[in-house]
Amino acid sequence: MEAVIADGVEVDRCTECEGIWFDAGELDWLVQDEVAQVVDVGEVDDGRSLNHVTEIDCPRCGKPMKHVADRHKPEVRYEVCIGCEGAFLDAGEFRDLARLSLVDLLRGLLRHRRR
């Protein structure tokens, strides 16, 4: 892992797969297109090729991670630790998540109102 500073916050990027580790709360804080363009430099296709790997232990605390879908963009799936709540996104997933469109926001609001 290599440290990358984004918007004053240090995140870790894997030097092999270029996936990104966010400590608890960092992902929500940093999910902006400008930040994603700097931090997420990996190839989307490389990241997608790793989506089948779902049984992962947390690199911070060693507890199992769960595979989740983002609430605003359900097509973006990533891993969240059940212990420390850190998140790992494969290459390209952070950029995709940061490209939240108005349509995505409206879709999320409509889903929330139906419940």
PDB file of N, CA and C in Angstrom:
ATOM      1  N   MET A   1       0.852  -1.188   0.000  1.00  0.00           N
ATOM      2  CA  MET A   1       0.000   0.000   0.000  1.00  0.00           C
ATOM      3  C   MET A   1       0.893   1.245   0.000  1.00  0.00           C
ATOM      4  N   GLU A   2       0.409   2.265  -0.686  1.00  0.00           N
ATOM      5  CA  GLU A   2       1.093   3.548  -0.667  1.00  0.00           C
ATOM      6  C   GLU A   2       0.110   4.602  -0.182  1.00  0.00           C
ATOM      7  N   ALA A   3       0.606   5.537   0.598  1.00  0.00           N
ATOM      8  CA  ALA A   3      -0.242   6.612   1.125  1.00  0.00           C
ATOM      9  C   ALA A   3      -0.478   7.654   0.042  1.00  0.00           C
ATOM     10  N   VAL A   4      -1.727   8.088  -0.073  1.00  0.00           N
ATOM     11  CA  VAL A   4      -2.103   9.137  -1.017  1.00  0.00           C
ATOM     12  C   VAL A   4      -2.900  10.174  -0.228  1.00  0.00           C
ATOM     13  N   ILE A   5      -2.532  11.436  -0.342  1.00  0.00           N
ATOM     14  CA  ILE A   5      -3.243  12.507   0.352  1.00  0.00           C
ATOM     15  C   ILE A   5      -4.299  13.074  -0.588  1.00  0.00           C
ATOM     16  N   ALA A   6      -5.533  13.078  -0.117  1.00  0.00           N
ATOM     17  CA  ALA A   6      -6.650  13.595  -0.909  1.00  0.00           C
ATOM     18  C   ALA A   6      -7.473  14.520  -0.041  1.00  0.00           C
ATOM     19  N   ASP A   7      -7.556  15.773  -0.426  1.00  0.00           N
ATOM     20  CA  ASP A   7      -8.358  16.748   0.308  1.00  0.00           C
ATOM     21  C   ASP A   7      -7.975  16.766   1.787  1.00  0.00           C
ATOM     22  N   GLY A   8      -6.670  16.628   2.052  1.00  0.00           N
ATOM     23  CA  GLY A   8      -6.157  16.664   3.420  1.00  0.00           C
ATOM     24  C   GLY A   8      -6.314  15.370   4.189  1.00  0.00           C
ATOM     25  N   VAL A   9      -6.805  14.310   3.549  1.00  0.00           N
ATOM     26  CA  VAL A   9      -7.018  13.019   4.203  1.00  0.00           C
ATOM     27  C   VAL A   9      -6.101  11.988   3.548  1.00  0.00           C
ATOM     28  N   GLU A  10      -5.460  11.160   4.369  1.00  0.00           N
ATOM     29  CA  GLU A  10      -4.587  10.120   3.835  1.00  0.00           C
ATOM     30  C   GLU A  10      -5.376   8.827   3.622  1.00  0.00           C
ATOM     31  N   VAL A  11      -5.359   8.331   2.385  1.00  0.00           N
ATOM     32  CA  VAL A  11      -5.953   7.036   2.059  1.00  0.00           C
ATOM     33  C   VAL A  11      -4.821   6.150   1.548  1.00  0.00           C
ATOM     34  N   ASP A  12      -5.085   4.861   1.451  1.00  0.00           N
ATOM     35  CA  ASP A  12      -4.067   3.923   0.996  1.00  0.00           C
ATOM     36  C   ASP A  12      -4.473   3.304  -0.327  1.00  0.00           C
ATOM     37  N   ARG A  13      -3.506   3.252  -1.254  1.00  0.00           N
ATOM     38  CA  ARG A  13      -3.756   2.653  -2.567  1.00  0.00           C
ATOM     39  C   ARG A  13      -2.812   1.463  -2.723  1.00  0.00           C
ATOM     40  N   CYS A  14      -3.362   0.335  -3.142  1.00  0.00           N
ATOM     41  CA  CYS A  14      -2.563  -0.864  -3.339  1.00  0.00           C
ATOM     42  C   CYS A  14      -1.614  -0.654  -4.520  1.00  0.00           C
ATOM     43  N   THR A  15      -0.359  -0.982  -4.324  1.00  0.00           N
ATOM     44  CA  THR A  15       0.628  -0.800  -5.394  1.00  0.00           C
ATOM     45  C   THR A  15       0.529  -1.892  -6.456  1.00  0.00           C
ATOM     46  N   GLU A  16      -0.226  -2.967  -6.163  1.00  0.00           N
ATOM     47  CA  GLU A  16      -0.382  -4.040  -7.152  1.00  0.00           C
ATOM     48  C   GLU A  16      -1.670  -3.901  -7.948  1.00  0.00           C
ATOM     49  N   CYS A  17      -2.824  -3.877  -7.255  1.00  0.00           N
ATOM     50  CA  CYS A  17      -4.113  -3.860  -7.964  1.00  0.00           C
ATOM     51  C   CYS A  17      -4.692  -2.452  -8.111  1.00  0.00           C
ATOM     52  N   GLU A  18      -4.103  -1.467  -7.452  1.00  0.00           N
ATOM     53  CA  GLU A  18      -4.529  -0.066  -7.456  1.00  0.00           C
ATOM     54  C   GLU A  18      -5.902   0.153  -6.832  1.00  0.00           C
ATOM     55  N   GLY A  19      -6.354  -0.824  -6.030  1.00  0.00           N
ATOM     56  CA  GLY A  19      -7.558  -0.622  -5.235  1.00  0.00           C
ATOM     57  C   GLY A  19      -7.262   0.374  -4.121  1.00  0.00           C
ATOM     58  N   ILE A  20      -8.317   0.904  -3.509  1.00  0.00           N
ATOM     59  CA  ILE A  20      -8.140   1.969  -2.517  1.00  0.00           C
ATOM     60  C   ILE A  20      -8.797   1.572  -1.202  1.00  0.00           C
ATOM     61  N   TRP A  21      -8.059   1.784  -0.104  1.00  0.00           N
ATOM     62  CA  TRP A  21      -8.554   1.525   1.243  1.00  0.00           C
ATOM     63  C   TRP A  21      -8.932   2.854   1.893  1.00  0.00           C
ATOM     64  N   PHE A  22     -10.152   2.913   2.427  1.00  0.00           N
ATOM     65  CA  PHE A  22     -10.636   4.075   3.151  1.00  0.00           C
ATOM     66  C   PHE A  22     -10.920   3.657   4.594  1.00  0.00           C
ATOM     67  N   ASP A  23     -10.335   4.344   5.556  1.00  0.00           N
ATOM     68  CA  ASP A  23     -10.703   4.095   6.945  1.00  0.00           C
ATOM     69  C   ASP A  23     -12.149   4.543   7.139  1.00  0.00           C
ATOM     70  N   ALA A  24     -12.759   4.142   8.248  1.00  0.00           N
ATOM     71  CA  ALA A  24     -14.170   4.464   8.519  1.00  0.00           C
ATOM     72  C   ALA A  24     -14.439   5.957   8.338  1.00  0.00           C
ATOM     73  N   GLY A  25     -15.464   6.279   7.565  1.00  0.00           N
ATOM     74  CA  GLY A  25     -15.890   7.659   7.347  1.00  0.00           C
ATOM     75  C   GLY A  25     -15.184   8.389   6.224  1.00  0.00           C
ATOM     76  N   GLU A  26     -14.009   7.920   5.810  1.00  0.00           N
ATOM     77  CA  GLU A  26     -13.262   8.622   4.770  1.00  0.00           C
ATOM     78  C   GLU A  26     -13.943   8.558   3.410  1.00  0.00           C
ATOM     79  N   LEU A  27     -14.555   7.440   3.084  1.00  0.00           N
ATOM     80  CA  LEU A  27     -15.196   7.306   1.770  1.00  0.00           C
ATOM     81  C   LEU A  27     -16.311   8.329   1.613  1.00  0.00           C
ATOM     82  N   ASP A  28     -17.181   8.446   2.606  1.00  0.00           N
ATOM     83  CA  ASP A  28     -18.274   9.426   2.537  1.00  0.00           C
ATOM     84  C   ASP A  28     -17.728  10.852   2.456  1.00  0.00           C
ATOM     85  N   TRP A  29     -16.649  11.113   3.151  1.00  0.00           N
ATOM     86  CA  TRP A  29     -16.049  12.453   3.192  1.00  0.00           C
ATOM     87  C   TRP A  29     -15.429  12.823   1.846  1.00  0.00           C
ATOM     88  N   LEU A  30     -14.833  11.846   1.174  1.00  0.00           N
ATOM     89  CA  LEU A  30     -14.039  12.131  -0.027  1.00  0.00           C
ATOM     90  C   LEU A  30     -14.730  11.855  -1.354  1.00  0.00           C
ATOM     91  N   VAL A  31     -15.961  11.355  -1.330  1.00  0.00           N
ATOM     92  CA  VAL A  31     -16.592  10.955  -2.584  1.00  0.00           C
ATOM     93  C   VAL A  31     -17.001  12.181  -3.413  1.00  0.00           C
ATOM     94  N   GLN A  32     -16.000  12.728  -4.088  1.00  0.00           N
ATOM     95  CA  GLN A  32     -16.154  13.883  -4.977  1.00  0.00           C
ATOM     96  C   GLN A  32     -15.393  13.553  -6.257  1.00  0.00           C
ATOM     97  N   ASP A  33     -15.888  13.978  -7.361  1.00  0.00           N
ATOM     98  CA  ASP A  33     -15.265  13.644  -8.640  1.00  0.00           C
ATOM     99  C   ASP A  33     -13.822  14.127  -8.724  1.00  0.00           C
ATOM    100  N   GLU A  34     -13.541  15.341  -8.222  1.00  0.00           N
ATOM    101  CA  GLU A  34     -12.185  15.892  -8.305  1.00  0.00           C
ATOM    102  C   GLU A  34     -11.203  15.033  -7.514  1.00  0.00           C
ATOM    103  N   VAL A  35     -11.605  14.598  -6.337  1.00  0.00           N
ATOM    104  CA  VAL A  35     -10.753  13.766  -5.493  1.00  0.00           C
ATOM    105  C   VAL A  35     -10.563  12.397  -6.142  1.00  0.00           C
ATOM    106  N   ALA A  36     -11.637  11.821  -6.646  1.00  0.00           N
ATOM    107  CA  ALA A  36     -11.574  10.490  -7.251  1.00  0.00           C
ATOM    108  C   ALA A  36     -10.623  10.456  -8.433  1.00  0.00           C
ATOM    109  N   GLN A  37     -10.576  11.514  -9.216  1.00  0.00           N
ATOM    110  CA  GLN A  37      -9.702  11.553 -10.384  1.00  0.00           C
ATOM    111  C   GLN A  37      -8.231  11.495  -9.977  1.00  0.00           C
ATOM    112  N   VAL A  38      -7.901  12.042  -8.803  1.00  0.00           N
ATOM    113  CA  VAL A  38      -6.522  12.052  -8.319  1.00  0.00           C
ATOM    114  C   VAL A  38      -6.166  10.727  -7.640  1.00  0.00           C
ATOM    115  N   VAL A  39      -7.077  10.195  -6.861  1.00  0.00           N
ATOM    116  CA  VAL A  39      -6.803   9.021  -6.034  1.00  0.00           C
ATOM    117  C   VAL A  39      -6.948   7.716  -6.814  1.00  0.00           C
ATOM    118  N   ASP A  40      -8.000   7.582  -7.601  1.00  0.00           N
ATOM    119  CA  ASP A  40      -8.308   6.328  -8.286  1.00  0.00           C
ATOM    120  C   ASP A  40      -7.709   6.350  -9.686  1.00  0.00           C
ATOM    121  N   VAL A  41      -6.494   5.849  -9.796  1.00  0.00           N
ATOM    122  CA  VAL A  41      -5.779   5.893 -11.073  1.00  0.00           C
ATOM    123  C   VAL A  41      -5.774   4.546 -11.789  1.00  0.00           C
ATOM    124  N   GLY A  42      -6.414   3.540 -11.196  1.00  0.00           N
ATOM    125  CA  GLY A  42      -6.421   2.196 -11.769  1.00  0.00           C
ATOM    126  C   GLY A  42      -7.358   2.063 -12.946  1.00  0.00           C
ATOM    127  N   GLU A  43      -7.184   0.973 -13.672  1.00  0.00           N
ATOM    128  CA  GLU A  43      -8.020   0.672 -14.832  1.00  0.00           C
ATOM    129  C   GLU A  43      -9.325   0.029 -14.381  1.00  0.00           C
ATOM    130  N   VAL A  44     -10.443   0.524 -14.884  1.00  0.00           N
ATOM    131  CA  VAL A  44     -11.760   0.020 -14.525  1.00  0.00           C
ATOM    132  C   VAL A  44     -11.879  -1.472 -14.819  1.00  0.00           C
ATOM    133  N   ASP A  45     -11.404  -1.907 -15.965  1.00  0.00           N
ATOM    134  CA  ASP A  45     -11.501  -3.322 -16.329  1.00  0.00           C
ATOM    135  C   ASP A  45     -10.712  -4.205 -15.366  1.00  0.00           C
ATOM    136  N   ASP A  46      -9.559  -3.717 -14.883  1.00  0.00           N
ATOM    137  CA  ASP A  46      -8.780  -4.474 -13.901  1.00  0.00           C
ATOM    138  C   ASP A  46      -9.580  -4.620 -12.607  1.00  0.00           C
ATOM    139  N   GLY A  47     -10.218  -3.540 -12.186  1.00  0.00           N
ATOM    140  CA  GLY A  47     -11.031  -3.584 -10.971  1.00  0.00           C
ATOM    141  C   GLY A  47     -12.214  -4.523 -11.118  1.00  0.00           C
ATOM    142  N   ARG A  48     -12.884  -4.459 -12.250  1.00  0.00           N
ATOM    143  CA  ARG A  48     -14.047  -5.333 -12.482  1.00  0.00           C
ATOM    144  C   ARG A  48     -13.653  -6.802 -12.481  1.00  0.00           C
ATOM    145  N   SER A  49     -12.449  -7.098 -12.932  1.00  0.00           N
ATOM    146  CA  SER A  49     -12.007  -8.492 -12.972  1.00  0.00           C
ATOM    147  C   SER A  49     -11.846  -9.079 -11.569  1.00  0.00           C
ATOM    148  N   LEU A  50     -11.809  -8.230 -10.539  1.00  0.00           N
ATOM    149  CA  LEU A  50     -11.663  -8.693  -9.159  1.00  0.00           C
ATOM    150  C   LEU A  50     -12.987  -8.749  -8.405  1.00  0.00           C
ATOM    151  N   ASN A  51     -14.094  -8.394  -9.047  1.00  0.00           N
ATOM    152  CA  ASN A  51     -15.393  -8.370  -8.367  1.00  0.00           C
ATOM    153  C   ASN A  51     -15.838  -9.738  -7.866  1.00  0.00           C
ATOM    154  N   HIS A  52     -15.337 -10.810  -8.445  1.00  0.00           N
ATOM    155  CA  HIS A  52     -15.716 -12.146  -7.996  1.00  0.00           C
ATOM    156  C   HIS A  52     -15.088 -12.510  -6.645  1.00  0.00           C
ATOM    157  N   VAL A  53     -14.059 -11.775  -6.233  1.00  0.00           N
ATOM    158  CA  VAL A  53     -13.407 -12.035  -4.949  1.00  0.00           C
ATOM    159  C   VAL A  53     -14.222 -11.328  -3.869  1.00  0.00           C
ATOM    160  N   THR A  54     -14.958 -12.104  -3.073  1.00  0.00           N
ATOM    161  CA  THR A  54     -15.836 -11.507  -2.064  1.00  0.00           C
ATOM    162  C   THR A  54     -15.497 -11.930  -0.639  1.00  0.00           C
ATOM    163  N   GLU A  55     -14.694 -12.947  -0.468  1.00  0.00           N
ATOM    164  CA  GLU A  55     -14.310 -13.372   0.877  1.00  0.00           C
ATOM    165  C   GLU A  55     -12.944 -12.794   1.198  1.00  0.00           C
ATOM    166  N   ILE A  56     -12.960 -11.647   1.867  1.00  0.00           N
ATOM    167  CA  ILE A  56     -11.744 -10.893   2.143  1.00  0.00           C
ATOM    168  C   ILE A  56     -11.704 -10.547   3.619  1.00  0.00           C
ATOM    169  N   ASP A  57     -10.520 -10.633   4.209  1.00  0.00           N
ATOM    170  CA  ASP A  57     -10.336 -10.185   5.585  1.00  0.00           C
ATOM    171  C   ASP A  57      -9.797  -8.763   5.565  1.00  0.00           C
ATOM    172  N   CYS A  58     -10.210  -7.975   6.533  1.00  0.00           N
ATOM    173  CA  CYS A  58      -9.823  -6.566   6.623  1.00  0.00           C
ATOM    174  C   CYS A  58      -8.310  -6.430   6.799  1.00  0.00           C
ATOM    175  N   PRO A  59      -7.682  -5.570   6.023  1.00  0.00           N
ATOM    176  CA  PRO A  59      -6.239  -5.362   6.183  1.00  0.00           C
ATOM    177  C   PRO A  59      -5.891  -4.594   7.468  1.00  0.00           C
ATOM    178  N   ARG A  60      -6.860  -3.949   8.090  1.00  0.00           N
ATOM    179  CA  ARG A  60      -6.615  -3.194   9.327  1.00  0.00           C
ATOM    180  C   ARG A  60      -6.800  -4.051  10.575  1.00  0.00           C
ATOM    181  N   CYS A  61      -7.965  -4.726  10.679  1.00  0.00           N
ATOM    182  CA  CYS A  61      -8.290  -5.427  11.924  1.00  0.00           C
ATOM    183  C   CYS A  61      -8.419  -6.938  11.765  1.00  0.00           C
ATOM    184  N   GLY A  62      -8.387  -7.447  10.524  1.00  0.00           N
ATOM    185  CA  GLY A  62      -8.430  -8.877  10.290  1.00  0.00           C
ATOM    186  C   GLY A  62      -9.815  -9.506  10.300  1.00  0.00           C
ATOM    187  N   LYS A  63     -10.848  -8.723  10.585  1.00  0.00           N
ATOM    188  CA  LYS A  63     -12.212  -9.270  10.592  1.00  0.00           C
ATOM    189  C   LYS A  63     -12.718  -9.408   9.157  1.00  0.00           C
ATOM    190  N   PRO A  64     -13.765 -10.223   8.970  1.00  0.00           N
ATOM    191  CA  PRO A  64     -14.302 -10.395   7.608  1.00  0.00           C
ATOM    192  C   PRO A  64     -14.896  -9.101   7.057  1.00  0.00           C
ATOM    193  N   MET A  65     -14.819  -8.984   5.748  1.00  0.00           N
ATOM    194  CA  MET A  65     -15.432  -7.843   5.073  1.00  0.00           C
ATOM    195  C   MET A  65     -16.666  -8.339   4.338  1.00  0.00           C
ATOM    196  N   LYS A  66     -17.684  -7.481   4.268  1.00  0.00           N
ATOM    197  CA  LYS A  66     -18.899  -7.859   3.539  1.00  0.00           C
ATOM    198  C   LYS A  66     -18.940  -7.098   2.217  1.00  0.00           C
ATOM    199  N   HIS A  67     -19.512  -7.745   1.233  1.00  0.00           N
ATOM    200  CA  HIS A  67     -19.652  -7.183  -0.111  1.00  0.00           C
ATOM    201  C   HIS A  67     -20.962  -6.393  -0.111  1.00  0.00           C
ATOM    202  N   VAL A  68     -20.905  -5.099  -0.408  1.00  0.00           N
ATOM    203  CA  VAL A  68     -22.097  -4.254  -0.355  1.00  0.00           C
ATOM    204  C   VAL A  68     -22.286  -3.506  -1.668  1.00  0.00           C
ATOM    205  N   ALA A  69     -23.515  -3.072  -1.890  1.00  0.00           N
ATOM    206  CA  ALA A  69     -23.842  -2.212  -3.029  1.00  0.00           C
ATOM    207  C   ALA A  69     -24.054  -0.808  -2.483  1.00  0.00           C
ATOM    208  N   ASP A  70     -23.570   0.185  -3.181  1.00  0.00           N
ATOM    209  CA  ASP A  70     -23.771   1.568  -2.755  1.00  0.00           C
ATOM    210  C   ASP A  70     -25.258   1.906  -2.794  1.00  0.00           C
ATOM    211  N   ARG A  71     -25.711   2.694  -1.840  1.00  0.00           N
ATOM    212  CA  ARG A  71     -27.150   2.999  -1.765  1.00  0.00           C
ATOM    213  C   ARG A  71     -27.613   3.921  -2.882  1.00  0.00           C
ATOM    214  N   HIS A  72     -26.731   4.761  -3.410  1.00  0.00           N
ATOM    215  CA  HIS A  72     -27.109   5.659  -4.505  1.00  0.00           C
ATOM    216  C   HIS A  72     -26.813   5.057  -5.881  1.00  0.00           C
ATOM    217  N   LYS A  73     -25.779   4.237  -5.935  1.00  0.00           N
ATOM    218  CA  LYS A  73     -25.383   3.611  -7.204  1.00  0.00           C
ATOM    219  C   LYS A  73     -25.228   2.123  -6.961  1.00  0.00           C
ATOM    220  N   PRO A  74     -26.328   1.374  -6.956  1.00  0.00           N
ATOM    221  CA  PRO A  74     -26.268  -0.049  -6.619  1.00  0.00           C
ATOM    222  C   PRO A  74     -25.403  -0.893  -7.547  1.00  0.00           C
ATOM    223  N   GLU A  75     -25.086  -0.386  -8.711  1.00  0.00           N
ATOM    224  CA  GLU A  75     -24.211  -1.141  -9.606  1.00  0.00           C
ATOM    225  C   GLU A  75     -22.755  -1.107  -9.137  1.00  0.00           C
ATOM    226  N   VAL A  76     -22.432  -0.191  -8.208  1.00  0.00           N
ATOM    227  CA  VAL A  76     -21.086  -0.122  -7.644  1.00  0.00           C
ATOM    228  C   VAL A  76     -21.071  -0.955  -6.364  1.00  0.00           C
ATOM    229  N   ARG A  77     -20.289  -2.033  -6.403  1.00  0.00           N
ATOM    230  CA  ARG A  77     -20.199  -2.943  -5.257  1.00  0.00           C
ATOM    231  C   ARG A  77     -18.765  -2.924  -4.737  1.00  0.00           C
ATOM    232  N   TYR A  78     -18.632  -2.897  -3.424  1.00  0.00           N
ATOM    233  CA  TYR A  78     -17.313  -2.872  -2.798  1.00  0.00           C
ATOM    234  C   TYR A  78     -17.384  -3.574  -1.444  1.00  0.00           C
ATOM    235  N   GLU A  79     -16.266  -3.641  -0.733  1.00  0.00           N
ATOM    236  CA  GLU A  79     -16.197  -4.366   0.527  1.00  0.00           C
ATOM    237  C   GLU A  79     -16.101  -3.396   1.705  1.00  0.00           C
ATOM    238  N   VAL A  80     -16.819  -3.740   2.786  1.00  0.00           N
ATOM    239  CA  VAL A  80     -16.800  -2.952   4.018  1.00  0.00           C
ATOM    240  C   VAL A  80     -16.519  -3.911   5.173  1.00  0.00           C
ATOM    241  N   CYS A  81     -15.619  -3.501   6.073  1.00  0.00           N
ATOM    242  CA  CYS A  81     -15.255  -4.332   7.215  1.00  0.00           C
ATOM    243  C   CYS A  81     -16.378  -4.328   8.258  1.00  0.00           C
ATOM    244  N   ILE A  82     -16.725  -5.513   8.777  1.00  0.00           N
ATOM    245  CA  ILE A  82     -17.769  -5.600   9.797  1.00  0.00           C
ATOM    246  C   ILE A  82     -17.253  -5.132  11.162  1.00  0.00           C
ATOM    247  N   GLY A  83     -15.947  -4.987  11.305  1.00  0.00           N
ATOM    248  CA  GLY A  83     -15.364  -4.546  12.563  1.00  0.00           C
ATOM    249  C   GLY A  83     -15.082  -3.045  12.597  1.00  0.00           C
ATOM    250  N   CYS A  84     -14.089  -2.627  11.839  1.00  0.00           N
ATOM    251  CA  CYS A  84     -13.646  -1.220  11.888  1.00  0.00           C
ATOM    252  C   CYS A  84     -14.392  -0.320  10.905  1.00  0.00           C
ATOM    253  N   GLU A  85     -15.214  -0.897  10.028  1.00  0.00           N
ATOM    254  CA  GLU A  85     -16.030  -0.180   9.051  1.00  0.00           C
ATOM    255  C   GLU A  85     -15.228   0.529   7.961  1.00  0.00           C
ATOM    256  N   GLY A  86     -13.987   0.098   7.757  1.00  0.00           N
ATOM    257  CA  GLY A  86     -13.211   0.597   6.632  1.00  0.00           C
ATOM    258  C   GLY A  86     -13.787   0.034   5.344  1.00  0.00           C
ATOM    259  N   ALA A  87     -13.428   0.638   4.203  1.00  0.00           N
ATOM    260  CA  ALA A  87     -13.962   0.199   2.913  1.00  0.00           C
ATOM    261  C   ALA A  87     -12.836   0.029   1.903  1.00  0.00           C
ATOM    262  N   PHE A  88     -12.962  -1.002   1.066  1.00  0.00           N
ATOM    263  CA  PHE A  88     -11.996  -1.239  -0.005  1.00  0.00           C
ATOM    264  C   PHE A  88     -12.721  -1.219  -1.341  1.00  0.00           C
ATOM    265  N   LEU A  89     -12.258  -0.354  -2.227  1.00  0.00           N
ATOM    266  CA  LEU A  89     -12.835  -0.259  -3.573  1.00  0.00           C
ATOM    267  C   LEU A  89     -11.782  -0.672  -4.583  1.00  0.00           C
ATOM    268  N   ASP A  90     -12.173  -1.554  -5.504  1.00  0.00           N
ATOM    269  CA  ASP A  90     -11.269  -1.975  -6.569  1.00  0.00           C
ATOM    270  C   ASP A  90     -11.001  -0.787  -7.498  1.00  0.00           C
ATOM    271  N   ALA A  91      -9.980  -0.933  -8.322  1.00  0.00           N
ATOM    272  CA  ALA A  91      -9.620   0.110  -9.279  1.00  0.00           C
ATOM    273  C   ALA A  91     -10.843   0.522 -10.103  1.00  0.00           C
ATOM    274  N   GLY A  92     -11.058   1.817 -10.222  1.00  0.00           N
ATOM    275  CA  GLY A  92     -12.151   2.360 -11.022  1.00  0.00           C
ATOM    276  C   GLY A  92     -13.458   2.544 -10.279  1.00  0.00           C
ATOM    277  N   GLU A  93     -13.659   1.824  -9.178  1.00  0.00           N
ATOM    278  CA  GLU A  93     -14.939   1.915  -8.466  1.00  0.00           C
ATOM    279  C   GLU A  93     -15.138   3.267  -7.777  1.00  0.00           C
ATOM    280  N   PHE A  94     -14.070   3.850  -7.263  1.00  0.00           N
ATOM    281  CA  PHE A  94     -14.203   5.150  -6.599  1.00  0.00           C
ATOM    282  C   PHE A  94     -14.567   6.239  -7.604  1.00  0.00           C
ATOM    283  N   ARG A  95     -13.946   6.210  -8.776  1.00  0.00           N
ATOM    284  CA  ARG A  95     -14.299   7.188  -9.826  1.00  0.00           C
ATOM    285  C   ARG A  95     -15.754   7.026 -10.230  1.00  0.00           C
ATOM    286  N   ASP A  96     -16.191   5.778 -10.385  1.00  0.00           N
ATOM    287  CA  ASP A  96     -17.579   5.509 -10.771  1.00  0.00           C
ATOM    288  C   ASP A  96     -18.534   6.002  -9.687  1.00  0.00           C
ATOM    289  N   LEU A  97     -18.201   5.757  -8.448  1.00  0.00           N
ATOM    290  CA  LEU A  97     -19.035   6.183  -7.326  1.00  0.00           C
ATOM    291  C   LEU A  97     -19.109   7.707  -7.240  1.00  0.00           C
ATOM    292  N   ALA A  98     -18.020   8.381  -7.532  1.00  0.00           N
ATOM    293  CA  ALA A  98     -17.973   9.840  -7.436  1.00  0.00           C
ATOM    294  C   ALA A  98     -18.738  10.530  -8.552  1.00  0.00           C
ATOM    295  N   ARG A  99     -19.034   9.821  -9.624  1.00  0.00           N
ATOM    296  CA  ARG A  99     -19.794  10.388 -10.746  1.00  0.00           C
ATOM    297  C   ARG A  99     -21.289  10.265 -10.493  1.00  0.00           C
ATOM    298  N   LEU A 100     -21.717  10.698  -9.367  1.00  0.00           N
ATOM    299  CA  LEU A 100     -23.127  10.626  -8.996  1.00  0.00           C
ATOM    300  C   LEU A 100     -23.883  11.703  -9.771  1.00  0.00           C
ATOM    301  N   SER A 101     -24.785  11.273 -10.600  1.00  0.00           N
ATOM    302  CA  SER A 101     -25.540  12.210 -11.423  1.00  0.00           C
ATOM    303  C   SER A 101     -26.827  12.622 -10.720  1.00  0.00           C
ATOM    304  N   LEU A 102     -27.487  13.613 -11.265  1.00  0.00           N
ATOM    305  CA  LEU A 102     -28.783  14.051 -10.753  1.00  0.00           C
ATOM    306  C   LEU A 102     -29.795  12.915 -10.839  1.00  0.00           C
ATOM    307  N   VAL A 103     -29.729  12.131 -11.894  1.00  0.00           N
ATOM    308  CA  VAL A 103     -30.629  10.993 -12.051  1.00  0.00           C
ATOM    309  C   VAL A 103     -30.404   9.984 -10.914  1.00  0.00           C
ATOM    310  N   ASP A 104     -29.140   9.729 -10.567  1.00  0.00           N
ATOM    311  CA  ASP A 104     -28.832   8.819  -9.464  1.00  0.00           C
ATOM    312  C   ASP A 104     -29.421   9.332  -8.151  1.00  0.00           C
ATOM    313  N   LEU A 105     -29.287  10.623  -7.902  1.00  0.00           N
ATOM    314  CA  LEU A 105     -29.830  11.211  -6.670  1.00  0.00           C
ATOM    315  C   LEU A 105     -31.347  11.087  -6.619  1.00  0.00           C
ATOM    316  N   LEU A 106     -32.009  11.401  -7.715  1.00  0.00           N
ATOM    317  CA  LEU A 106     -33.469  11.294  -7.765  1.00  0.00           C
ATOM    318  C   LEU A 106     -33.930   9.854  -7.587  1.00  0.00           C
ATOM    319  N   ARG A 107     -33.234   8.922  -8.214  1.00  0.00           N
ATOM    320  CA  ARG A 107     -33.558   7.510  -8.068  1.00  0.00           C
ATOM    321  C   ARG A 107     -33.449   7.089  -6.603  1.00  0.00           C
ATOM    322  N   GLY A 108     -32.398   7.538  -5.914  1.00  0.00           N
ATOM    323  CA  GLY A 108     -32.220   7.216  -4.506  1.00  0.00           C
ATOM    324  C   GLY A 108     -33.320   7.820  -3.633  1.00  0.00           C
ATOM    325  N   LEU A 109     -33.736   9.043  -3.936  1.00  0.00           N
ATOM    326  CA  LEU A 109     -34.808   9.669  -3.175  1.00  0.00           C
ATOM    327  C   LEU A 109     -36.129   8.927  -3.349  1.00  0.00           C
ATOM    328  N   LEU A 110     -36.417   8.541  -4.590  1.00  0.00           N
ATOM    329  CA  LEU A 110     -37.660   7.816  -4.865  1.00  0.00           C
ATOM    330  C   LEU A 110     -37.664   6.459  -4.156  1.00  0.00           C
ATOM    331  N   ARG A 111     -36.531   5.770  -4.146  1.00  0.00           N
ATOM    332  CA  ARG A 111     -36.440   4.493  -3.450  1.00  0.00           C
ATOM    333  C   ARG A 111     -36.672   4.675  -1.965  1.00  0.00           C
ATOM    334  N   HIS A 112     -36.107   5.737  -1.401  1.00  0.00           N
ATOM    335  CA  HIS A 112     -36.248   6.009   0.036  1.00  0.00           C
ATOM    336  C   HIS A 112     -37.695   6.323   0.398  1.00  0.00           C
ATOM    337  N   ARG A 113     -38.398   7.067  -0.445  1.00  0.00           N
ATOM    338  CA  ARG A 113     -39.790   7.449  -0.164  1.00  0.00           C
ATOM    339  C   ARG A 113     -40.737   6.257  -0.233  1.00  0.00           C
ATOM    340  N   ARG A 114     -40.433   5.273  -1.055  1.00  0.00           N
ATOM    341  CA  ARG A 114     -41.302   4.104  -1.214  1.00  0.00           C
ATOM    342  C   ARG A 114     -41.275   3.191   0.004  1.00  0.00           C
ATOM    343  N   ARG A 115     -40.258   3.279   0.815  1.00  0.00           N
ATOM    344  CA  ARG A 115     -40.124   2.379   1.973  1.00  0.00           C
ATOM    345  C   ARG A 115     -40.985   2.788   3.100  1.00  0.00           C
TER     346      ARG A 115
END
